[in-house]
Protein backbone atom coordinates (compact mmCIF):
# COMPACT_ATOMS: atom_id res chain seq x y z
CA MET A 1 23.95 3.82 33.69
CA PHE A 2 24.31 0.42 32.59
CA GLY A 3 27.93 0.49 33.38
CA ASN A 4 30.35 -3.11 31.02
CA ASP A 5 28.13 -5.55 31.55
CA ALA A 6 29.38 -8.62 28.87
CA ASP A 7 25.42 -10.36 28.90
CA PHE A 8 24.31 -7.02 27.48
CA LEU A 9 26.06 -5.86 25.74
CA LEU A 10 26.56 -9.57 23.18
CA THR A 11 22.63 -9.82 23.53
CA ILE A 12 22.71 -5.75 21.74
CA HIS A 13 25.11 -7.39 19.74
CA ARG A 14 24.21 -10.58 18.68
CA THR A 15 20.46 -8.41 18.42
CA HIS A 16 21.51 -5.87 16.37
CA ALA A 17 23.50 -9.31 14.20
CA SER A 18 20.23 -10.56 12.98
CA GLU A 19 18.02 -7.40 12.23
CA LEU A 20 20.83 -6.86 10.19
CA GLN A 21 20.78 -10.91 8.61
CA ALA A 22 16.63 -10.15 8.31
CA ASP A 23 17.09 -7.12 5.97
CA ALA A 24 19.96 -8.79 4.14
CA ALA A 25 17.03 -11.95 3.09
CA ALA A 26 14.47 -9.21 2.44
CA ASP A 27 17.37 -7.83 -0.01
CA ARG A 28 18.00 -10.46 -1.75
CA LEU A 29 14.39 -12.20 -1.87
CA ALA A 30 13.28 -9.12 -3.45
CA ARG A 31 15.88 -9.10 -6.02
CA ALA A 32 15.23 -12.44 -6.36
CA LEU A 33 11.31 -12.35 -6.93
CA PRO A 34 10.54 -10.81 -10.52
CA ARG A 35 8.90 -7.24 -10.56
CA ARG A 36 5.69 -6.41 -12.09
CA GLN A 37 4.63 -5.15 -14.93
CA PRO A 38 2.47 -2.17 -14.42
CA ARG A 39 -1.38 -3.54 -16.35
CA GLY A 40 -3.07 -1.38 -18.57
CA TRP A 41 -6.98 -1.76 -18.86
CA LEU A 42 -8.41 -5.31 -17.84
CA GLY A 43 -5.85 -6.38 -17.02
CA ARG A 44 -3.50 -6.38 -20.31
CA ARG A 45 -0.35 -5.61 -20.07
CA HIS A 46 1.11 -2.54 -21.05
CA HIS A 47 3.13 -1.70 -23.64
CA ALA A 48 5.78 1.12 -24.03
CA ALA A 49 4.94 1.24 -27.47
CA ARG A 50 3.09 4.50 -28.92
CA ALA A 51 -0.35 4.39 -31.08
CA THR A 52 0.92 5.93 -33.59
CA ASP A 53 3.44 2.63 -33.83
CA ALA A 54 0.37 0.32 -34.17
CA ARG A 55 -0.74 1.71 -37.09
CA ARG A 56 2.16 1.80 -39.75
């Protein structure tokens, strides 16, 4: 359908390469940012400890 148009193929290659670079940059940014911790009632930090451990 398009034949072997070199400019068209080069445009597709560059577009795909820039999409891959953008995805890689987004992944790096996501890994660099600290993960959000779940928060409990009234915005207090939720601790994984059981309620029975606090009474000891």
